[in-house]
Amino acid sequence: MKISLNLNKHCIQTEIKRQYNKLISEYFKSGQTENKDMIEAKIDLFQHALENFDFGRLRSRFPELNGGGNDDIAISRGPENQLTILINNRPIDETY
């Protein structure tokens, strides 16, 4: 699973929190069950990122994660259930 992050106006930490909170709200408001599995998977991914990423270190090592740029930023879960941040479709050298 790969989820794009919009860092045009804020940093990676703020964007992950924003999407996480939006998904939590959507999950509990939705009476539908068809998208619940996908929403749960995204919530789990974002929760894991919020609990495990060292955002200060990431922002200092990768300025693209500070926000305000035009880079393509995404977060994904790898084959061994590791989280990876992709900058312009290239994984950075820190996985969680």
PDB file of N, CA and C in Angstrom:
ATOM      1  N   MET A   1       0.844  -1.172   0.000  1.00  0.00           N
ATOM      2  CA  MET A   1       0.000   0.000   0.000  1.00  0.00           C
ATOM      3  C   MET A   1       0.894   1.241   0.000  1.00  0.00           C
ATOM      4  N   LYS A   2       0.569   2.166  -0.867  1.00  0.00           N
ATOM      5  CA  LYS A   2       1.308   3.426  -0.979  1.00  0.00           C
ATOM      6  C   LYS A   2       0.305   4.570  -0.855  1.00  0.00           C
ATOM      7  N   ILE A   3       0.602   5.512   0.051  1.00  0.00           N
ATOM      8  CA  ILE A   3      -0.285   6.644   0.278  1.00  0.00           C
ATOM      9  C   ILE A   3       0.495   7.929   0.015  1.00  0.00           C
ATOM     10  N   SER A   4      -0.012   8.748  -0.874  1.00  0.00           N
ATOM     11  CA  SER A   4       0.621  10.034  -1.182  1.00  0.00           C
ATOM     12  C   SER A   4       0.364  11.027  -0.062  1.00  0.00           C
ATOM     13  N   LEU A   5       1.362  11.860   0.183  1.00  0.00           N
ATOM     14  CA  LEU A   5       1.265  12.901   1.197  1.00  0.00           C
ATOM     15  C   LEU A   5       1.425  14.259   0.532  1.00  0.00           C
ATOM     16  N   ASN A   6       0.570  15.189   0.880  1.00  0.00           N
ATOM     17  CA  ASN A   6       0.630  16.537   0.317  1.00  0.00           C
ATOM     18  C   ASN A   6       1.389  17.440   1.282  1.00  0.00           C
ATOM     19  N   LEU A   7       2.635  17.746   0.943  1.00  0.00           N
ATOM     20  CA  LEU A   7       3.464  18.575   1.816  1.00  0.00           C
ATOM     21  C   LEU A   7       3.622  19.993   1.275  1.00  0.00           C
ATOM     22  N   ASN A   8       2.667  20.449   0.480  1.00  0.00           N
ATOM     23  CA  ASN A   8       2.743  21.798  -0.076  1.00  0.00           C
ATOM     24  C   ASN A   8       2.723  22.871   0.999  1.00  0.00           C
ATOM     25  N   LYS A   9       1.931  22.672   2.061  1.00  0.00           N
ATOM     26  CA  LYS A   9       1.742  23.719   3.056  1.00  0.00           C
ATOM     27  C   LYS A   9       2.233  23.357   4.448  1.00  0.00           C
ATOM     28  N   HIS A  10       2.643  22.098   4.662  1.00  0.00           N
ATOM     29  CA  HIS A  10       3.097  21.714   5.983  1.00  0.00           C
ATOM     30  C   HIS A  10       4.038  20.510   5.905  1.00  0.00           C
ATOM     31  N   CYS A  11       4.633  20.172   7.049  1.00  0.00           N
ATOM     32  CA  CYS A  11       5.633  19.104   7.100  1.00  0.00           C
ATOM     33  C   CYS A  11       4.979  17.721   7.111  1.00  0.00           C
ATOM     34  N   ILE A  12       5.804  16.707   7.033  1.00  0.00           N
ATOM     35  CA  ILE A  12       5.324  15.329   6.979  1.00  0.00           C
ATOM     36  C   ILE A  12       4.557  14.944   8.239  1.00  0.00           C
ATOM     37  N   GLN A  13       5.009  15.377   9.398  1.00  0.00           N
ATOM     38  CA  GLN A  13       4.336  15.027  10.642  1.00  0.00           C
ATOM     39  C   GLN A  13       2.912  15.589  10.671  1.00  0.00           C
ATOM     40  N   THR A  14       2.764  16.834  10.307  1.00  0.00           N
ATOM     41  CA  THR A  14       1.447  17.469  10.284  1.00  0.00           C
ATOM     42  C   THR A  14       0.534  16.786   9.275  1.00  0.00           C
ATOM     43  N   GLU A  15       1.061  16.443   8.108  1.00  0.00           N
ATOM     44  CA  GLU A  15       0.246  15.793   7.075  1.00  0.00           C
ATOM     45  C   GLU A  15      -0.204  14.400   7.517  1.00  0.00           C
ATOM     46  N   ILE A  16       0.676  13.649   8.139  1.00  0.00           N
ATOM     47  CA  ILE A  16       0.292  12.317   8.611  1.00  0.00           C
ATOM     48  C   ILE A  16      -0.780  12.437   9.692  1.00  0.00           C
ATOM     49  N   LYS A  17      -0.616  13.373  10.620  1.00  0.00           N
ATOM     50  CA  LYS A  17      -1.635  13.585  11.668  1.00  0.00           C
ATOM     51  C   LYS A  17      -2.966  14.007  11.045  1.00  0.00           C
ATOM     52  N   ARG A  18      -2.893  14.890  10.069  1.00  0.00           N
ATOM     53  CA  ARG A  18      -4.110  15.384   9.410  1.00  0.00           C
ATOM     54  C   ARG A  18      -4.863  14.245   8.725  1.00  0.00           C
ATOM     55  N   GLN A  19      -4.151  13.431   7.960  1.00  0.00           N
ATOM     56  CA  GLN A  19      -4.803  12.313   7.263  1.00  0.00           C
ATOM     57  C   GLN A  19      -5.304  11.261   8.252  1.00  0.00           C
ATOM     58  N   TYR A  20      -4.542  11.012   9.302  1.00  0.00           N
ATOM     59  CA  TYR A  20      -4.945  10.048  10.332  1.00  0.00           C
ATOM     60  C   TYR A  20      -6.264  10.481  10.974  1.00  0.00           C
ATOM     61  N   ASN A  21      -6.334  11.732  11.409  1.00  0.00           N
ATOM     62  CA  ASN A  21      -7.553  12.240  12.050  1.00  0.00           C
ATOM     63  C   ASN A  21      -8.747  12.222  11.099  1.00  0.00           C
ATOM     64  N   LYS A  22      -8.514  12.538   9.846  1.00  0.00           N
ATOM     65  CA  LYS A  22      -9.580  12.509   8.846  1.00  0.00           C
ATOM     66  C   LYS A  22     -10.113  11.084   8.664  1.00  0.00           C
ATOM     67  N   LEU A  23      -9.213  10.120   8.610  1.00  0.00           N
ATOM     68  CA  LEU A  23      -9.626   8.721   8.446  1.00  0.00           C
ATOM     69  C   LEU A  23     -10.383   8.203   9.667  1.00  0.00           C
ATOM     70  N   ILE A  24      -9.944   8.571  10.861  1.00  0.00           N
ATOM     71  CA  ILE A  24     -10.635   8.166  12.080  1.00  0.00           C
ATOM     72  C   ILE A  24     -12.073   8.695  12.049  1.00  0.00           C
ATOM     73  N   SER A  25     -12.209   9.959  11.694  1.00  0.00           N
ATOM     74  CA  SER A  25     -13.535  10.569  11.606  1.00  0.00           C
ATOM     75  C   SER A  25     -14.394   9.864  10.567  1.00  0.00           C
ATOM     76  N   GLU A  26     -13.809   9.620   9.400  1.00  0.00           N
ATOM     77  CA  GLU A  26     -14.532   8.941   8.314  1.00  0.00           C
ATOM     78  C   GLU A  26     -14.950   7.535   8.732  1.00  0.00           C
ATOM     79  N   TYR A  27     -14.084   6.856   9.434  1.00  0.00           N
ATOM     80  CA  TYR A  27     -14.350   5.481   9.868  1.00  0.00           C
ATOM     81  C   TYR A  27     -15.586   5.413  10.769  1.00  0.00           C
ATOM     82  N   PHE A  28     -15.672   6.333  11.722  1.00  0.00           N
ATOM     83  CA  PHE A  28     -16.780   6.286  12.675  1.00  0.00           C
ATOM     84  C   PHE A  28     -18.061   6.924  12.138  1.00  0.00           C
ATOM     85  N   LYS A  29     -17.951   7.816  11.169  1.00  0.00           N
ATOM     86  CA  LYS A  29     -19.142   8.416  10.575  1.00  0.00           C
ATOM     87  C   LYS A  29     -19.782   7.506   9.542  1.00  0.00           C
ATOM     88  N   SER A  30     -18.973   6.742   8.883  1.00  0.00           N
ATOM     89  CA  SER A  30     -19.447   5.927   7.769  1.00  0.00           C
ATOM     90  C   SER A  30     -20.287   4.759   8.256  1.00  0.00           C
ATOM     91  N   GLY A  31     -21.457   4.632   7.681  1.00  0.00           N
ATOM     92  CA  GLY A  31     -22.295   3.482   7.960  1.00  0.00           C
ATOM     93  C   GLY A  31     -21.990   2.339   7.007  1.00  0.00           C
ATOM     94  N   GLN A  32     -21.152   2.613   6.031  1.00  0.00           N
ATOM     95  CA  GLN A  32     -20.806   1.611   5.032  1.00  0.00           C
ATOM     96  C   GLN A  32     -19.751   0.665   5.589  1.00  0.00           C
ATOM     97  N   THR A  33     -19.762  -0.541   5.081  1.00  0.00           N
ATOM     98  CA  THR A  33     -18.745  -1.510   5.490  1.00  0.00           C
ATOM     99  C   THR A  33     -17.803  -1.847   4.335  1.00  0.00           C
ATOM    100  N   GLU A  34     -18.109  -1.365   3.138  1.00  0.00           N
ATOM    101  CA  GLU A  34     -17.313  -1.746   1.965  1.00  0.00           C
ATOM    102  C   GLU A  34     -15.898  -1.177   1.982  1.00  0.00           C
ATOM    103  N   ASN A  35     -15.690   0.010   2.524  1.00  0.00           N
ATOM    104  CA  ASN A  35     -14.354   0.609   2.533  1.00  0.00           C
ATOM    105  C   ASN A  35     -13.664   0.491   3.883  1.00  0.00           C
ATOM    106  N   LYS A  36     -14.297  -0.149   4.842  1.00  0.00           N
ATOM    107  CA  LYS A  36     -13.751  -0.215   6.204  1.00  0.00           C
ATOM    108  C   LYS A  36     -12.383  -0.889   6.238  1.00  0.00           C
ATOM    109  N   ASP A  37     -12.183  -1.951   5.476  1.00  0.00           N
ATOM    110  CA  ASP A  37     -10.893  -2.647   5.492  1.00  0.00           C
ATOM    111  C   ASP A  37      -9.775  -1.739   5.005  1.00  0.00           C
ATOM    112  N   MET A  38     -10.022  -0.988   3.944  1.00  0.00           N
ATOM    113  CA  MET A  38      -9.018  -0.080   3.405  1.00  0.00           C
ATOM    114  C   MET A  38      -8.742   1.059   4.400  1.00  0.00           C
ATOM    115  N   ILE A  39      -9.792   1.588   4.984  1.00  0.00           N
ATOM    116  CA  ILE A  39      -9.634   2.666   5.976  1.00  0.00           C
ATOM    117  C   ILE A  39      -8.848   2.158   7.171  1.00  0.00           C
ATOM    118  N   GLU A  40      -9.164   0.958   7.645  1.00  0.00           N
ATOM    119  CA  GLU A  40      -8.446   0.383   8.788  1.00  0.00           C
ATOM    120  C   GLU A  40      -6.968   0.192   8.476  1.00  0.00           C
ATOM    121  N   ALA A  41      -6.655  -0.253   7.272  1.00  0.00           N
ATOM    122  CA  ALA A  41      -5.257  -0.451   6.877  1.00  0.00           C
ATOM    123  C   ALA A  41      -4.505   0.875   6.856  1.00  0.00           C
ATOM    124  N   LYS A  42      -5.150   1.927   6.339  1.00  0.00           N
ATOM    125  CA  LYS A  42      -4.509   3.245   6.312  1.00  0.00           C
ATOM    126  C   LYS A  42      -4.335   3.803   7.717  1.00  0.00           C
ATOM    127  N   ILE A  43      -5.353   3.635   8.561  1.00  0.00           N
ATOM    128  CA  ILE A  43      -5.254   4.098   9.948  1.00  0.00           C
ATOM    129  C   ILE A  43      -4.087   3.401  10.639  1.00  0.00           C
ATOM    130  N   ASP A  44      -3.961   2.104  10.438  1.00  0.00           N
ATOM    131  CA  ASP A  44      -2.872   1.345  11.048  1.00  0.00           C
ATOM    132  C   ASP A  44      -1.513   1.851  10.575  1.00  0.00           C
ATOM    133  N   LEU A  45      -1.400   2.107   9.282  1.00  0.00           N
ATOM    134  CA  LEU A  45      -0.144   2.605   8.725  1.00  0.00           C
ATOM    135  C   LEU A  45       0.224   3.959   9.329  1.00  0.00           C
ATOM    136  N   PHE A  46      -0.745   4.884   9.369  1.00  0.00           N
ATOM    137  CA  PHE A  46      -0.477   6.209   9.923  1.00  0.00           C
ATOM    138  C   PHE A  46      -0.182   6.145  11.419  1.00  0.00           C
ATOM    139  N   GLN A  47      -0.901   5.298  12.147  1.00  0.00           N
ATOM    140  CA  GLN A  47      -0.664   5.166  13.584  1.00  0.00           C
ATOM    141  C   GLN A  47       0.750   4.653  13.845  1.00  0.00           C
ATOM    142  N   HIS A  48       1.162   3.664  13.074  1.00  0.00           N
ATOM    143  CA  HIS A  48       2.518   3.124  13.206  1.00  0.00           C
ATOM    144  C   HIS A  48       3.555   4.219  12.921  1.00  0.00           C
ATOM    145  N   ALA A  49       3.309   5.017  11.898  1.00  0.00           N
ATOM    146  CA  ALA A  49       4.234   6.107  11.559  1.00  0.00           C
ATOM    147  C   ALA A  49       4.305   7.129  12.690  1.00  0.00           C
ATOM    148  N   LEU A  50       3.157   7.522  13.226  1.00  0.00           N
ATOM    149  CA  LEU A  50       3.136   8.518  14.301  1.00  0.00           C
ATOM    150  C   LEU A  50       3.840   8.013  15.555  1.00  0.00           C
ATOM    151  N   GLU A  51       3.765   6.734  15.813  1.00  0.00           N
ATOM    152  CA  GLU A  51       4.384   6.164  17.004  1.00  0.00           C
ATOM    153  C   GLU A  51       5.872   5.880  16.840  1.00  0.00           C
ATOM    154  N   ASN A  52       6.341   5.692  15.598  1.00  0.00           N
ATOM    155  CA  ASN A  52       7.702   5.212  15.409  1.00  0.00           C
ATOM    156  C   ASN A  52       8.662   6.144  14.678  1.00  0.00           C
ATOM    157  N   PHE A  53       8.161   7.033  13.846  1.00  0.00           N
ATOM    158  CA  PHE A  53       9.061   7.914  13.115  1.00  0.00           C
ATOM    159  C   PHE A  53       9.653   8.971  14.038  1.00  0.00           C
ATOM    160  N   ASP A  54      10.908   9.263  13.842  1.00  0.00           N
ATOM    161  CA  ASP A  54      11.568  10.378  14.510  1.00  0.00           C
ATOM    162  C   ASP A  54      11.486  11.554  13.536  1.00  0.00           C
ATOM    163  N   PHE A  55      10.393  12.306  13.625  1.00  0.00           N
ATOM    164  CA  PHE A  55      10.110  13.343  12.637  1.00  0.00           C
ATOM    165  C   PHE A  55      11.164  14.441  12.605  1.00  0.00           C
ATOM    166  N   GLY A  56      11.678  14.832  13.756  1.00  0.00           N
ATOM    167  CA  GLY A  56      12.719  15.853  13.784  1.00  0.00           C
ATOM    168  C   GLY A  56      13.955  15.411  13.019  1.00  0.00           C
ATOM    169  N   ARG A  57      14.354  14.191  13.235  1.00  0.00           N
ATOM    170  CA  ARG A  57      15.515  13.643  12.526  1.00  0.00           C
ATOM    171  C   ARG A  57      15.242  13.528  11.023  1.00  0.00           C
ATOM    172  N   LEU A  58      14.048  13.059  10.683  1.00  0.00           N
ATOM    173  CA  LEU A  58      13.702  12.929   9.267  1.00  0.00           C
ATOM    174  C   LEU A  58      13.730  14.289   8.563  1.00  0.00           C
ATOM    175  N   ARG A  59      13.143  15.303   9.203  1.00  0.00           N
ATOM    176  CA  ARG A  59      13.107  16.639   8.592  1.00  0.00           C
ATOM    177  C   ARG A  59      14.507  17.228   8.465  1.00  0.00           C
ATOM    178  N   SER A  60      15.377  16.952   9.433  1.00  0.00           N
ATOM    179  CA  SER A  60      16.730  17.506   9.354  1.00  0.00           C
ATOM    180  C   SER A  60      17.569  16.806   8.288  1.00  0.00           C
ATOM    181  N   ARG A  61      17.358  15.527   8.082  1.00  0.00           N
ATOM    182  CA  ARG A  61      18.131  14.782   7.080  1.00  0.00           C
ATOM    183  C   ARG A  61      17.572  14.907   5.673  1.00  0.00           C
ATOM    184  N   PHE A  62      16.258  15.129   5.570  1.00  0.00           N
ATOM    185  CA  PHE A  62      15.595  15.195   4.271  1.00  0.00           C
ATOM    186  C   PHE A  62      14.749  16.456   4.206  1.00  0.00           C
ATOM    187  N   PRO A  63      15.311  17.560   3.736  1.00  0.00           N
ATOM    188  CA  PRO A  63      14.595  18.837   3.706  1.00  0.00           C
ATOM    189  C   PRO A  63      13.277  18.788   2.934  1.00  0.00           C
ATOM    190  N   GLU A  64      13.135  17.855   2.029  1.00  0.00           N
ATOM    191  CA  GLU A  64      11.893  17.721   1.265  1.00  0.00           C
ATOM    192  C   GLU A  64      10.702  17.436   2.189  1.00  0.00           C
ATOM    193  N   LEU A  65      10.975  16.894   3.374  1.00  0.00           N
ATOM    194  CA  LEU A  65       9.913  16.530   4.312  1.00  0.00           C
ATOM    195  C   LEU A  65       9.472  17.702   5.186  1.00  0.00           C
ATOM    196  N   ASN A  66      10.135  18.847   5.031  1.00  0.00           N
ATOM    197  CA  ASN A  66       9.749  20.047   5.782  1.00  0.00           C
ATOM    198  C   ASN A  66       8.501  20.703   5.213  1.00  0.00           C
ATOM    199  N   GLY A  67       8.160  20.385   3.993  1.00  0.00           N
ATOM    200  CA  GLY A  67       6.994  20.970   3.351  1.00  0.00           C
ATOM    201  C   GLY A  67       7.348  22.167   2.515  1.00  0.00           C
ATOM    202  N   GLY A  68       6.392  22.593   1.733  1.00  0.00           N
ATOM    203  CA  GLY A  68       6.567  23.762   0.892  1.00  0.00           C
ATOM    204  C   GLY A  68       7.198  23.500  -0.461  1.00  0.00           C
ATOM    205  N   GLY A  69       7.567  22.269  -0.734  1.00  0.00           N
ATOM    206  CA  GLY A  69       8.196  21.958  -2.014  1.00  0.00           C
ATOM    207  C   GLY A  69       7.234  21.275  -2.968  1.00  0.00           C
ATOM    208  N   ASN A  70       7.770  20.896  -4.113  1.00  0.00           N
ATOM    209  CA  ASN A  70       6.969  20.234  -5.139  1.00  0.00           C
ATOM    210  C   ASN A  70       7.313  18.760  -5.290  1.00  0.00           C
ATOM    211  N   ASP A  71       8.025  18.205  -4.305  1.00  0.00           N
ATOM    212  CA  ASP A  71       8.423  16.806  -4.394  1.00  0.00           C
ATOM    213  C   ASP A  71       7.228  15.879  -4.190  1.00  0.00           C
ATOM    214  N   ASP A  72       7.322  14.710  -4.790  1.00  0.00           N
ATOM    215  CA  ASP A  72       6.301  13.673  -4.629  1.00  0.00           C
ATOM    216  C   ASP A  72       6.686  12.846  -3.407  1.00  0.00           C
ATOM    217  N   ILE A  73       5.906  12.974  -2.333  1.00  0.00           N
ATOM    218  CA  ILE A  73       6.195  12.283  -1.083  1.00  0.00           C
ATOM    219  C   ILE A  73       5.095  11.260  -0.829  1.00  0.00           C
ATOM    220  N   ALA A  74       5.500  10.060  -0.419  1.00  0.00           N
ATOM    221  CA  ALA A  74       4.531   9.013  -0.114  1.00  0.00           C
ATOM    222  C   ALA A  74       5.066   8.163   1.025  1.00  0.00           C
ATOM    223  N   ILE A  75       4.171   7.432   1.635  1.00  0.00           N
ATOM    224  CA  ILE A  75       4.527   6.479   2.681  1.00  0.00           C
ATOM    225  C   ILE A  75       3.973   5.135   2.244  1.00  0.00           C
ATOM    226  N   SER A  76       4.736   4.077   2.484  1.00  0.00           N
ATOM    227  CA  SER A  76       4.270   2.750   2.089  1.00  0.00           C
ATOM    228  C   SER A  76       4.712   1.719   3.111  1.00  0.00           C
ATOM    229  N   ARG A  77       4.092   0.573   3.022  1.00  0.00           N
ATOM    230  CA  ARG A  77       4.451  -0.550   3.882  1.00  0.00           C
ATOM    231  C   ARG A  77       5.090  -1.597   2.983  1.00  0.00           C
ATOM    232  N   GLY A  78       6.286  -2.007   3.340  1.00  0.00           N
ATOM    233  CA  GLY A  78       7.027  -2.957   2.537  1.00  0.00           C
ATOM    234  C   GLY A  78       6.635  -4.397   2.798  1.00  0.00           C
ATOM    235  N   PRO A  79       7.330  -5.325   2.142  1.00  0.00           N
ATOM    236  CA  PRO A  79       6.986  -6.738   2.235  1.00  0.00           C
ATOM    237  C   PRO A  79       7.130  -7.315   3.643  1.00  0.00           C
ATOM    238  N   GLU A  80       8.021  -6.780   4.434  1.00  0.00           N
ATOM    239  CA  GLU A  80       8.205  -7.264   5.803  1.00  0.00           C
ATOM    240  C   GLU A  80       7.468  -6.386   6.801  1.00  0.00           C
ATOM    241  N   ASN A  81       6.429  -5.699   6.329  1.00  0.00           N
ATOM    242  CA  ASN A  81       5.582  -4.841   7.146  1.00  0.00           C
ATOM    243  C   ASN A  81       6.309  -3.594   7.657  1.00  0.00           C
ATOM    244  N   GLN A  82       7.416  -3.235   7.016  1.00  0.00           N
ATOM    245  CA  GLN A  82       8.167  -2.044   7.395  1.00  0.00           C
ATOM    246  C   GLN A  82       7.589  -0.830   6.693  1.00  0.00           C
ATOM    247  N   LEU A  83       7.582   0.296   7.408  1.00  0.00           N
ATOM    248  CA  LEU A  83       7.162   1.548   6.794  1.00  0.00           C
ATOM    249  C   LEU A  83       8.342   2.186   6.101  1.00  0.00           C
ATOM    250  N   THR A  84       8.071   2.739   4.940  1.00  0.00           N
ATOM    251  CA  THR A  84       9.095   3.415   4.165  1.00  0.00           C
ATOM    252  C   THR A  84       8.542   4.726   3.638  1.00  0.00           C
ATOM    253  N   ILE A  85       9.375   5.747   3.662  1.00  0.00           N
ATOM    254  CA  ILE A  85       9.009   7.029   3.068  1.00  0.00           C
ATOM    255  C   ILE A  85       9.662   7.086   1.696  1.00  0.00           C
ATOM    256  N   LEU A  86       8.880   7.492   0.700  1.00  0.00           N
ATOM    257  CA  LEU A  86       9.395   7.633  -0.659  1.00  0.00           C
ATOM    258  C   LEU A  86       9.418   9.112  -1.024  1.00  0.00           C
ATOM    259  N   ILE A  87      10.546   9.551  -1.532  1.00  0.00           N
ATOM    260  CA  ILE A  87      10.677  10.907  -2.046  1.00  0.00           C
ATOM    261  C   ILE A  87      10.928  10.778  -3.536  1.00  0.00           C
ATOM    262  N   ASN A  88       9.992  11.291  -4.335  1.00  0.00           N
ATOM    263  CA  ASN A  88      10.054  11.175  -5.793  1.00  0.00           C
ATOM    264  C   ASN A  88      10.243   9.708  -6.221  1.00  0.00           C
ATOM    265  N   ASN A  89       9.440   8.831  -5.598  1.00  0.00           N
ATOM    266  CA  ASN A  89       9.417   7.390  -5.864  1.00  0.00           C
ATOM    267  C   ASN A  89      10.685   6.645  -5.484  1.00  0.00           C
ATOM    268  N   ARG A  90      11.565   7.286  -4.717  1.00  0.00           N
ATOM    269  CA  ARG A  90      12.769   6.613  -4.230  1.00  0.00           C
ATOM    270  C   ARG A  90      12.675   6.480  -2.717  1.00  0.00           C
ATOM    271  N   PRO A  91      12.834   5.265  -2.192  1.00  0.00           N
ATOM    272  CA  PRO A  91      12.787   5.098  -0.739  1.00  0.00           C
ATOM    273  C   PRO A  91      13.998   5.765  -0.088  1.00  0.00           C
ATOM    274  N   ILE A  92      13.757   6.421   1.026  1.00  0.00           N
ATOM    275  CA  ILE A  92      14.879   6.997   1.761  1.00  0.00           C
ATOM    276  C   ILE A  92      15.532   5.873   2.559  1.00  0.00           C
ATOM    277  N   ASP A  93      16.716   6.112   3.082  1.00  0.00           N
ATOM    278  CA  ASP A  93      17.483   5.047   3.699  1.00  0.00           C
ATOM    279  C   ASP A  93      17.107   4.746   5.148  1.00  0.00           C
ATOM    280  N   GLU A  94      15.990   5.267   5.592  1.00  0.00           N
ATOM    281  CA  GLU A  94      15.523   4.966   6.947  1.00  0.00           C
ATOM    282  C   GLU A  94      14.174   4.271   6.855  1.00  0.00           C
ATOM    283  N   THR A  95      14.087   3.076   7.378  1.00  0.00           N
ATOM    284  CA  THR A  95      12.821   2.364   7.398  1.00  0.00           C
ATOM    285  C   THR A  95      12.449   2.078   8.846  1.00  0.00           C
ATOM    286  N   TYR A  96      11.172   1.922   9.079  1.00  0.00           N
ATOM    287  CA  TYR A  96      10.661   1.695  10.436  1.00  0.00           C
ATOM    288  C   TYR A  96       9.720   0.516  10.423  1.00  0.00           C
TER     289      TYR A  96
END
